[in-house]
């Protein structure tokens, strides 16, 4: 347990961690979205076949579709976090 004297320092460290990690998450989501868009484009152009897709390709397509559906990176990330936790727990 954090002592009363150390609580402000712990709060500052927590906020610093969020500020450092949040941009990295945005970059990761943006990269997944772009990869999903590329996979769909290649499917539509006939360069890829559904039978040749891997699980990660479907993940990227799902991320791309979520970004389009939510129309906001922040909303997309807010939905992705609980879904990711649920997938890990399941």
PDB file of N, CA and C in Angstrom:
ATOM      1  N   UNK A   1       0.840  -1.178   0.000  1.00  0.00           N
ATOM      2  CA  UNK A   1       0.000   0.000   0.000  1.00  0.00           C
ATOM      3  C   UNK A   1       0.884   1.239   0.000  1.00  0.00           C
ATOM      4  N   UNK A   2       0.460   2.257  -0.679  1.00  0.00           N
ATOM      5  CA  UNK A   2       1.207   3.512  -0.785  1.00  0.00           C
ATOM      6  C   UNK A   2       0.888   4.375   0.429  1.00  0.00           C
ATOM      7  N   UNK A   3       1.943   4.848   1.094  1.00  0.00           N
ATOM      8  CA  UNK A   3       1.733   5.701   2.264  1.00  0.00           C
ATOM      9  C   UNK A   3       1.184   7.053   1.834  1.00  0.00           C
ATOM     10  N   UNK A   4       0.572   7.750   2.771  1.00  0.00           N
ATOM     11  CA  UNK A   4       0.013   9.077   2.478  1.00  0.00           C
ATOM     12  C   UNK A   4       1.077  10.016   1.947  1.00  0.00           C
ATOM     13  N   UNK A   5       2.271   9.909   2.490  1.00  0.00           N
ATOM     14  CA  UNK A   5       3.357  10.791   2.094  1.00  0.00           C
ATOM     15  C   UNK A   5       3.774  10.551   0.644  1.00  0.00           C
ATOM     16  N   UNK A   6       3.647   9.324   0.162  1.00  0.00           N
ATOM     17  CA  UNK A   6       4.086   8.975  -1.190  1.00  0.00           C
ATOM     18  C   UNK A   6       2.976   9.039  -2.241  1.00  0.00           C
ATOM     19  N   UNK A   7       1.755   9.317  -1.841  1.00  0.00           N
ATOM     20  CA  UNK A   7       0.644   9.345  -2.799  1.00  0.00           C
ATOM     21  C   UNK A   7       0.826  10.376  -3.909  1.00  0.00           C
ATOM     22  N   UNK A   8       1.252  11.611  -3.613  1.00  0.00           N
ATOM     23  CA  UNK A   8       1.436  12.565  -4.717  1.00  0.00           C
ATOM     24  C   UNK A   8       2.469  12.087  -5.743  1.00  0.00           C
ATOM     25  N   UNK A   9       3.549  11.493  -5.263  1.00  0.00           N
ATOM     26  CA  UNK A   9       4.575  10.993  -6.183  1.00  0.00           C
ATOM     27  C   UNK A   9       4.016   9.851  -7.024  1.00  0.00           C
ATOM     28  N   UNK A  10       3.231   8.980  -6.425  1.00  0.00           N
ATOM     29  CA  UNK A  10       2.635   7.859  -7.165  1.00  0.00           C
ATOM     30  C   UNK A  10       1.657   8.379  -8.216  1.00  0.00           C
ATOM     31  N   UNK A  11       0.905   9.413  -7.865  1.00  0.00           N
ATOM     32  CA  UNK A  11      -0.043   9.996  -8.818  1.00  0.00           C
ATOM     33  C   UNK A  11       0.691  10.606 -10.006  1.00  0.00           C
ATOM     34  N   UNK A  12       1.784  11.315  -9.731  1.00  0.00           N
ATOM     35  CA  UNK A  12       2.570  11.919 -10.809  1.00  0.00           C
ATOM     36  C   UNK A  12       3.137  10.833 -11.715  1.00  0.00           C
ATOM     37  N   UNK A  13       3.661   9.762 -11.126  1.00  0.00           N
ATOM     38  CA  UNK A  13       4.196   8.657 -11.932  1.00  0.00           C
ATOM     39  C   UNK A  13       3.105   8.015 -12.788  1.00  0.00           C
ATOM     40  N   UNK A  14       1.921   7.844 -12.233  1.00  0.00           N
ATOM     41  CA  UNK A  14       0.813   7.260 -12.987  1.00  0.00           C
ATOM     42  C   UNK A  14       0.400   8.125 -14.163  1.00  0.00           C
ATOM     43  N   UNK A  15       0.316   9.419 -13.938  1.00  0.00           N
ATOM     44  CA  UNK A  15      -0.046  10.336 -15.022  1.00  0.00           C
ATOM     45  C   UNK A  15       1.033  10.343 -16.099  1.00  0.00           C
ATOM     46  N   UNK A  16       2.310  10.341 -15.659  1.00  0.00           N
ATOM     47  CA  UNK A  16       3.411  10.314 -16.628  1.00  0.00           C
ATOM     48  C   UNK A  16       3.345   9.052 -17.484  1.00  0.00           C
ATOM     49  N   UNK A  17       3.048   7.918 -16.865  1.00  0.00           N
ATOM     50  CA  UNK A  17       2.946   6.656 -17.614  1.00  0.00           C
ATOM     51  C   UNK A  17       1.830   6.736 -18.645  1.00  0.00           C
ATOM     52  N   UNK A  18       0.691   7.305 -18.274  1.00  0.00           N
ATOM     53  CA  UNK A  18      -0.421   7.442 -19.223  1.00  0.00           C
ATOM     54  C   UNK A  18      -0.041   8.343 -20.390  1.00  0.00           C
ATOM     55  N   UNK A  19       0.648   9.425 -20.104  1.00  0.00           N
ATOM     56  CA  UNK A  19       1.040  10.354 -21.170  1.00  0.00           C
ATOM     57  C   UNK A  19       2.049   9.727 -22.123  1.00  0.00           C
ATOM     58  N   UNK A  20       2.878   8.845 -21.595  1.00  0.00           N
ATOM     59  CA  UNK A  20       3.878   8.186 -22.435  1.00  0.00           C
ATOM     60  C   UNK A  20       3.247   7.057 -23.244  1.00  0.00           C
ATOM     61  N   UNK A  21       2.380   6.282 -22.629  1.00  0.00           N
ATOM     62  CA  UNK A  21       1.812   5.096 -23.286  1.00  0.00           C
ATOM     63  C   UNK A  21       0.661   5.412 -24.231  1.00  0.00           C
ATOM     64  N   UNK A  22      -0.112   6.450 -23.980  1.00  0.00           N
ATOM     65  CA  UNK A  22      -1.277   6.752 -24.817  1.00  0.00           C
ATOM     66  C   UNK A  22      -0.900   7.012 -26.269  1.00  0.00           C
ATOM     67  N   UNK A  23       0.117   7.823 -26.568  1.00  0.00           N
ATOM     68  CA  UNK A  23       0.473   8.016 -27.987  1.00  0.00           C
ATOM     69  C   UNK A  23       0.921   6.724 -28.658  1.00  0.00           C
ATOM     70  N   UNK A  24       1.603   5.862 -27.918  1.00  0.00           N
ATOM     71  CA  UNK A  24       2.037   4.584 -28.498  1.00  0.00           C
ATOM     72  C   UNK A  24       0.828   3.743 -28.882  1.00  0.00           C
ATOM     73  N   UNK A  25      -0.216   3.754 -28.068  1.00  0.00           N
ATOM     74  CA  UNK A  25      -1.427   2.996 -28.386  1.00  0.00           C
ATOM     75  C   UNK A  25      -2.088   3.557 -29.636  1.00  0.00           C
ATOM     76  N   UNK A  26      -2.105   4.882 -29.780  1.00  0.00           N
ATOM     77  CA  UNK A  26      -2.703   5.498 -30.960  1.00  0.00           C
ATOM     78  C   UNK A  26      -1.959   5.111 -32.223  1.00  0.00           C
ATOM     79  N   UNK A  27      -0.635   5.096 -32.147  1.00  0.00           N
ATOM     80  CA  UNK A  27       0.176   4.706 -33.301  1.00  0.00           C
ATOM     81  C   UNK A  27      -0.103   3.258 -33.662  1.00  0.00           C
ATOM     82  N   UNK A  28      -0.212   2.394 -32.653  1.00  0.00           N
ATOM     83  CA  UNK A  28      -0.467   0.974 -32.892  1.00  0.00           C
ATOM     84  C   UNK A  28      -1.817   0.766 -33.571  1.00  0.00           C
ATOM     85  N   UNK A  29      -2.851   1.431 -33.068  1.00  0.00           N
ATOM     86  CA  UNK A  29      -4.190   1.312 -33.657  1.00  0.00           C
ATOM     87  C   UNK A  29      -4.179   1.838 -35.084  1.00  0.00           C
ATOM     88  N   UNK A  30      -3.507   2.972 -35.306  1.00  0.00           N
ATOM     89  CA  UNK A  30      -3.452   3.543 -36.652  1.00  0.00           C
ATOM     90  C   UNK A  30      -2.757   2.586 -37.618  1.00  0.00           C
ATOM     91  N   UNK A  31      -1.707   1.932 -37.167  1.00  0.00           N
ATOM     92  CA  UNK A  31      -0.988   0.980 -38.033  1.00  0.00           C
ATOM     93  C   UNK A  31      -1.872  -0.221 -38.350  1.00  0.00           C
ATOM     94  N   UNK A  32      -2.591  -0.729 -37.344  1.00  0.00           N
ATOM     95  CA  UNK A  32      -3.499  -1.855 -37.581  1.00  0.00           C
ATOM     96  C   UNK A  32      -4.599  -1.471 -38.555  1.00  0.00           C
ATOM     97  N   UNK A  33      -5.132  -0.253 -38.413  1.00  0.00           N
ATOM     98  CA  UNK A  33      -6.177   0.213 -39.321  1.00  0.00           C
ATOM     99  C   UNK A  33      -5.660   0.254 -40.758  1.00  0.00           C
ATOM    100  N   UNK A  34      -4.463   0.799 -40.933  1.00  0.00           N
ATOM    101  CA  UNK A  34      -3.882   0.907 -42.270  1.00  0.00           C
ATOM    102  C   UNK A  34      -3.634  -0.476 -42.855  1.00  0.00           C
ATOM    103  N   UNK A  35      -3.158  -1.399 -42.026  1.00  0.00           N
ATOM    104  CA  UNK A  35      -2.921  -2.765 -42.505  1.00  0.00           C
ATOM    105  C   UNK A  35      -4.233  -3.411 -42.925  1.00  0.00           C
ATOM    106  N   UNK A  36      -5.287  -3.203 -42.126  1.00  0.00           N
ATOM    107  CA  UNK A  36      -6.598  -3.742 -42.480  1.00  0.00           C
ATOM    108  C   UNK A  36      -7.121  -3.179 -43.778  1.00  0.00           C
ATOM    109  N   UNK A  37      -6.929  -1.874 -44.002  1.00  0.00           N
ATOM    110  CA  UNK A  37      -7.365  -1.244 -45.250  1.00  0.00           C
ATOM    111  C   UNK A  37      -6.608  -1.840 -46.434  1.00  0.00           C
ATOM    112  N   UNK A  38      -5.326  -2.092 -46.244  1.00  0.00           N
ATOM    113  CA  UNK A  38      -4.508  -2.674 -47.319  1.00  0.00           C
ATOM    114  C   UNK A  38      -4.972  -4.087 -47.645  1.00  0.00           C
ATOM    115  N   UNK A  39      -5.245  -4.890 -46.624  1.00  0.00           N
ATOM    116  CA  UNK A  39      -5.705  -6.269 -46.845  1.00  0.00           C
ATOM    117  C   UNK A  39      -7.033  -6.254 -47.603  1.00  0.00           C
ATOM    118  N   UNK A  40      -7.963  -5.385 -47.198  1.00  0.00           N
ATOM    119  CA  UNK A  40      -9.255  -5.313 -47.902  1.00  0.00           C
ATOM    120  C   UNK A  40      -9.092  -4.867 -49.349  1.00  0.00           C
ATOM    121  N   UNK A  41      -8.238  -3.900 -49.581  1.00  0.00           N
ATOM    122  CA  UNK A  41      -7.984  -3.432 -50.941  1.00  0.00           C
ATOM    123  C   UNK A  41      -7.435  -4.566 -51.805  1.00  0.00           C
ATOM    124  N   UNK A  42      -6.496  -5.332 -51.242  1.00  0.00           N
ATOM    125  CA  UNK A  42      -5.918  -6.453 -51.995  1.00  0.00           C
ATOM    126  C   UNK A  42      -6.936  -7.567 -52.233  1.00  0.00           C
ATOM    127  N   UNK A  43      -7.841  -7.779 -51.284  1.00  0.00           N
ATOM    128  CA  UNK A  43      -8.921  -8.762 -51.487  1.00  0.00           C
ATOM    129  C   UNK A  43      -9.831  -8.312 -52.618  1.00  0.00           C
ATOM    130  N   UNK A  44     -10.229  -7.046 -52.570  1.00  0.00           N
ATOM    131  CA  UNK A  44     -11.128  -6.520 -53.596  1.00  0.00           C
ATOM    132  C   UNK A  44     -10.487  -6.539 -54.981  1.00  0.00           C
ATOM    133  N   UNK A  45      -9.179  -6.356 -55.037  1.00  0.00           N
ATOM    134  CA  UNK A  45      -8.468  -6.347 -56.322  1.00  0.00           C
ATOM    135  C   UNK A  45      -8.139  -7.762 -56.801  1.00  0.00           C
ATOM    136  N   UNK A  46      -8.438  -8.757 -55.977  1.00  0.00           N
ATOM    137  CA  UNK A  46      -8.148 -10.138 -56.363  1.00  0.00           C
ATOM    138  C   UNK A  46      -6.696 -10.548 -56.141  1.00  0.00           C
ATOM    139  N   UNK A  47      -5.918  -9.708 -55.469  1.00  0.00           N
ATOM    140  CA  UNK A  47      -4.516 -10.044 -55.200  1.00  0.00           C
ATOM    141  C   UNK A  47      -4.387 -11.034 -54.052  1.00  0.00           C
ATOM    142  N   UNK A  48      -5.398 -11.074 -53.192  1.00  0.00           N
ATOM    143  CA  UNK A  48      -5.449 -12.024 -52.076  1.00  0.00           C
ATOM    144  C   UNK A  48      -6.750 -12.817 -52.162  1.00  0.00           C
ATOM    145  N   UNK A  49      -6.710 -14.014 -51.608  1.00  0.00           N
ATOM    146  CA  UNK A  49      -7.919 -14.834 -51.508  1.00  0.00           C
ATOM    147  C   UNK A  49      -8.229 -15.028 -50.033  1.00  0.00           C
ATOM    148  N   UNK A  50      -9.489 -15.159 -49.707  1.00  0.00           N
ATOM    149  CA  UNK A  50      -9.892 -15.347 -48.315  1.00  0.00           C
ATOM    150  C   UNK A  50      -9.199 -16.561 -47.689  1.00  0.00           C
ATOM    151  N   UNK A  51      -9.022 -17.598 -48.490  1.00  0.00           N
ATOM    152  CA  UNK A  51      -8.406 -18.814 -47.956  1.00  0.00           C
ATOM    153  C   UNK A  51      -6.933 -18.622 -47.605  1.00  0.00           C
ATOM    154  N   UNK A  52      -6.313 -17.545 -48.119  1.00  0.00           N
ATOM    155  CA  UNK A  52      -4.900 -17.314 -47.811  1.00  0.00           C
ATOM    156  C   UNK A  52      -4.702 -16.381 -46.613  1.00  0.00           C
ATOM    157  N   UNK A  53      -5.783 -15.847 -46.064  1.00  0.00           N
ATOM    158  CA  UNK A  53      -5.668 -14.923 -44.938  1.00  0.00           C
ATOM    159  C   UNK A  53      -5.335 -15.660 -43.652  1.00  0.00           C
ATOM    160  N   UNK A  54      -4.565 -14.995 -42.806  1.00  0.00           N
ATOM    161  CA  UNK A  54      -4.223 -15.519 -41.481  1.00  0.00           C
ATOM    162  C   UNK A  54      -5.120 -14.837 -40.451  1.00  0.00           C
ATOM    163  N   UNK A  55      -5.092 -15.353 -39.248  1.00  0.00           N
ATOM    164  CA  UNK A  55      -5.870 -14.757 -38.167  1.00  0.00           C
ATOM    165  C   UNK A  55      -5.539 -13.294 -37.951  1.00  0.00           C
ATOM    166  N   UNK A  56      -4.268 -12.947 -38.063  1.00  0.00           N
ATOM    167  CA  UNK A  56      -3.862 -11.552 -37.862  1.00  0.00           C
ATOM    168  C   UNK A  56      -4.451 -10.649 -38.941  1.00  0.00           C
ATOM    169  N   UNK A  57      -4.632 -11.177 -40.157  1.00  0.00           N
ATOM    170  CA  UNK A  57      -5.254 -10.380 -41.222  1.00  0.00           C
ATOM    171  C   UNK A  57      -6.693 -10.027 -40.850  1.00  0.00           C
ATOM    172  N   UNK A  58      -7.416 -10.996 -40.299  1.00  0.00           N
ATOM    173  CA  UNK A  58      -8.786 -10.742 -39.874  1.00  0.00           C
ATOM    174  C   UNK A  58      -8.818  -9.737 -38.721  1.00  0.00           C
ATOM    175  N   UNK A  59      -7.830  -9.829 -37.806  1.00  0.00           N
ATOM    176  CA  UNK A  59      -7.729  -8.841 -36.725  1.00  0.00           C
ATOM    177  C   UNK A  59      -7.564  -7.440 -37.291  1.00  0.00           C
ATOM    178  N   UNK A  60      -6.679  -7.288 -38.268  1.00  0.00           N
ATOM    179  CA  UNK A  60      -6.435  -5.981 -38.869  1.00  0.00           C
ATOM    180  C   UNK A  60      -7.675  -5.455 -39.583  1.00  0.00           C
ATOM    181  N   UNK A  61      -8.368  -6.345 -40.283  1.00  0.00           N
ATOM    182  CA  UNK A  61      -9.611  -5.938 -40.958  1.00  0.00           C
ATOM    183  C   UNK A  61     -10.625  -5.473 -39.920  1.00  0.00           C
ATOM    184  N   UNK A  62     -10.729  -6.203 -38.815  1.00  0.00           N
ATOM    185  CA  UNK A  62     -11.657  -5.814 -37.745  1.00  0.00           C
ATOM    186  C   UNK A  62     -11.323  -4.455 -37.161  1.00  0.00           C
ATOM    187  N   UNK A  63     -10.034  -4.200 -36.943  1.00  0.00           N
ATOM    188  CA  UNK A  63      -9.615  -2.889 -36.425  1.00  0.00           C
ATOM    189  C   UNK A  63      -9.962  -1.782 -37.419  1.00  0.00           C
ATOM    190  N   UNK A  64      -9.743  -2.039 -38.685  1.00  0.00           N
ATOM    191  CA  UNK A  64     -10.062  -1.054 -39.718  1.00  0.00           C
ATOM    192  C   UNK A  64     -11.564  -0.762 -39.742  1.00  0.00           C
ATOM    193  N   UNK A  65     -12.367  -1.811 -39.659  1.00  0.00           N
ATOM    194  CA  UNK A  65     -13.817  -1.628 -39.687  1.00  0.00           C
ATOM    195  C   UNK A  65     -14.307  -0.891 -38.435  1.00  0.00           C
ATOM    196  N   UNK A  66     -13.710  -1.186 -37.279  1.00  0.00           N
ATOM    197  CA  UNK A  66     -14.094  -0.468 -36.059  1.00  0.00           C
ATOM    198  C   UNK A  66     -13.776   1.018 -36.184  1.00  0.00           C
ATOM    199  N   UNK A  67     -12.615   1.333 -36.750  1.00  0.00           N
ATOM    200  CA  UNK A  67     -12.242   2.745 -36.920  1.00  0.00           C
ATOM    201  C   UNK A  67     -13.258   3.455 -37.811  1.00  0.00           C
ATOM    202  N   UNK A  68     -13.678   2.797 -38.872  1.00  0.00           N
ATOM    203  CA  UNK A  68     -14.679   3.401 -39.767  1.00  0.00           C
ATOM    204  C   UNK A  68     -16.020   3.541 -39.070  1.00  0.00           C
ATOM    205  N   UNK A  69     -16.391   2.536 -38.263  1.00  0.00           N
ATOM    206  CA  UNK A  69     -17.681   2.547 -37.590  1.00  0.00           C
ATOM    207  C   UNK A  69     -17.735   3.643 -36.517  1.00  0.00           C
ATOM    208  N   UNK A  70     -16.656   3.778 -35.735  1.00  0.00           N
ATOM    209  CA  UNK A  70     -16.662   4.750 -34.644  1.00  0.00           C
ATOM    210  C   UNK A  70     -16.267   6.146 -35.091  1.00  0.00           C
ATOM    211  N   UNK A  71     -15.591   6.271 -36.235  1.00  0.00           N
ATOM    212  CA  UNK A  71     -15.240   7.558 -36.810  1.00  0.00           C
ATOM    213  C   UNK A  71     -14.407   8.432 -35.870  1.00  0.00           C
ATOM    214  N   UNK A  72     -13.704   7.796 -34.941  1.00  0.00           N
ATOM    215  CA  UNK A  72     -12.864   8.534 -34.003  1.00  0.00           C
ATOM    216  C   UNK A  72     -11.872   7.574 -33.386  1.00  0.00           C
ATOM    217  N   UNK A  73     -10.606   7.936 -33.409  1.00  0.00           N
ATOM    218  CA  UNK A  73      -9.578   7.081 -32.811  1.00  0.00           C
ATOM    219  C   UNK A  73      -9.812   6.902 -31.319  1.00  0.00           C
ATOM    220  N   UNK A  74     -10.258   7.961 -30.643  1.00  0.00           N
ATOM    221  CA  UNK A  74     -10.491   7.866 -29.207  1.00  0.00           C
ATOM    222  C   UNK A  74     -11.634   6.904 -28.891  1.00  0.00           C
ATOM    223  N   UNK A  75     -12.719   6.979 -29.634  1.00  0.00           N
ATOM    224  CA  UNK A  75     -13.836   6.060 -29.414  1.00  0.00           C
ATOM    225  C   UNK A  75     -13.424   4.631 -29.731  1.00  0.00           C
ATOM    226  N   UNK A  76     -12.663   4.471 -30.794  1.00  0.00           N
ATOM    227  CA  UNK A  76     -12.185   3.157 -31.204  1.00  0.00           C
ATOM    228  C   UNK A  76     -11.316   2.557 -30.104  1.00  0.00           C
ATOM    229  N   UNK A  77     -10.366   3.321 -29.593  1.00  0.00           N
ATOM    230  CA  UNK A  77      -9.488   2.828 -28.542  1.00  0.00           C
ATOM    231  C   UNK A  77     -10.270   2.524 -27.266  1.00  0.00           C
ATOM    232  N   UNK A  78     -11.258   3.361 -26.941  1.00  0.00           N
ATOM    233  CA  UNK A  78     -12.077   3.131 -25.750  1.00  0.00           C
ATOM    234  C   UNK A  78     -12.843   1.813 -25.864  1.00  0.00           C
ATOM    235  N   UNK A  79     -13.265   1.450 -27.058  1.00  0.00           N
ATOM    236  CA  UNK A  79     -13.972   0.183 -27.271  1.00  0.00           C
ATOM    237  C   UNK A  79     -12.992  -0.989 -27.327  1.00  0.00           C
ATOM    238  N   UNK A  80     -11.817  -0.765 -27.863  1.00  0.00           N
ATOM    239  CA  UNK A  80     -10.829  -1.841 -28.006  1.00  0.00           C
ATOM    240  C   UNK A  80     -10.310  -2.353 -26.674  1.00  0.00           C
ATOM    241  N   UNK A  81     -10.112  -1.447 -25.720  1.00  0.00           N
ATOM    242  CA  UNK A  81      -9.546  -1.866 -24.420  1.00  0.00           C
ATOM    243  C   UNK A  81     -10.395  -2.928 -23.737  1.00  0.00           C
ATOM    244  N   UNK A  82     -11.698  -2.691 -23.518  1.00  0.00           N
ATOM    245  CA  UNK A  82     -12.476  -3.744 -22.844  1.00  0.00           C
ATOM    246  C   UNK A  82     -12.595  -5.021 -23.681  1.00  0.00           C
ATOM    247  N   UNK A  83     -12.634  -4.861 -24.994  1.00  0.00           N
ATOM    248  CA  UNK A  83     -12.724  -6.052 -25.850  1.00  0.00           C
ATOM    249  C   UNK A  83     -11.445  -6.874 -25.749  1.00  0.00           C
ATOM    250  N   UNK A  84     -10.294  -6.202 -25.709  1.00  0.00           N
ATOM    251  CA  UNK A  84      -9.021  -6.909 -25.576  1.00  0.00           C
ATOM    252  C   UNK A  84      -8.944  -7.636 -24.243  1.00  0.00           C
ATOM    253  N   UNK A  85      -9.381  -6.959 -23.169  1.00  0.00           N
ATOM    254  CA  UNK A  85      -9.373  -7.613 -21.847  1.00  0.00           C
ATOM    255  C   UNK A  85     -10.290  -8.833 -21.850  1.00  0.00           C
ATOM    256  N   UNK A  86     -11.438  -8.717 -22.501  1.00  0.00           N
ATOM    257  CA  UNK A  86     -12.390  -9.813 -22.541  1.00  0.00           C
ATOM    258  C   UNK A  86     -11.807 -10.996 -23.308  1.00  0.00           C
ATOM    259  N   UNK A  87     -11.111 -10.711 -24.408  1.00  0.00           N
ATOM    260  CA  UNK A  87     -10.512 -11.781 -25.218  1.00  0.00           C
ATOM    261  C   UNK A  87      -9.411 -12.505 -24.450  1.00  0.00           C
ATOM    262  N   UNK A  88      -8.625 -11.769 -23.683  1.00  0.00           N
ATOM    263  CA  UNK A  88      -7.535 -12.366 -22.898  1.00  0.00           C
ATOM    264  C   UNK A  88      -8.124 -13.214 -21.768  1.00  0.00           C
ATOM    265  N   UNK A  89      -9.178 -12.707 -21.138  1.00  0.00           N
ATOM    266  CA  UNK A  89      -9.798 -13.427 -20.021  1.00  0.00           C
ATOM    267  C   UNK A  89     -10.516 -14.680 -20.476  1.00  0.00           C
ATOM    268  N   UNK A  90     -11.023 -14.658 -21.714  1.00  0.00           N
ATOM    269  CA  UNK A  90     -11.814 -15.773 -22.222  1.00  0.00           C
ATOM    270  C   UNK A  90     -10.970 -16.854 -22.660  1.00  0.00           C
TER     271      UNK A  90
END
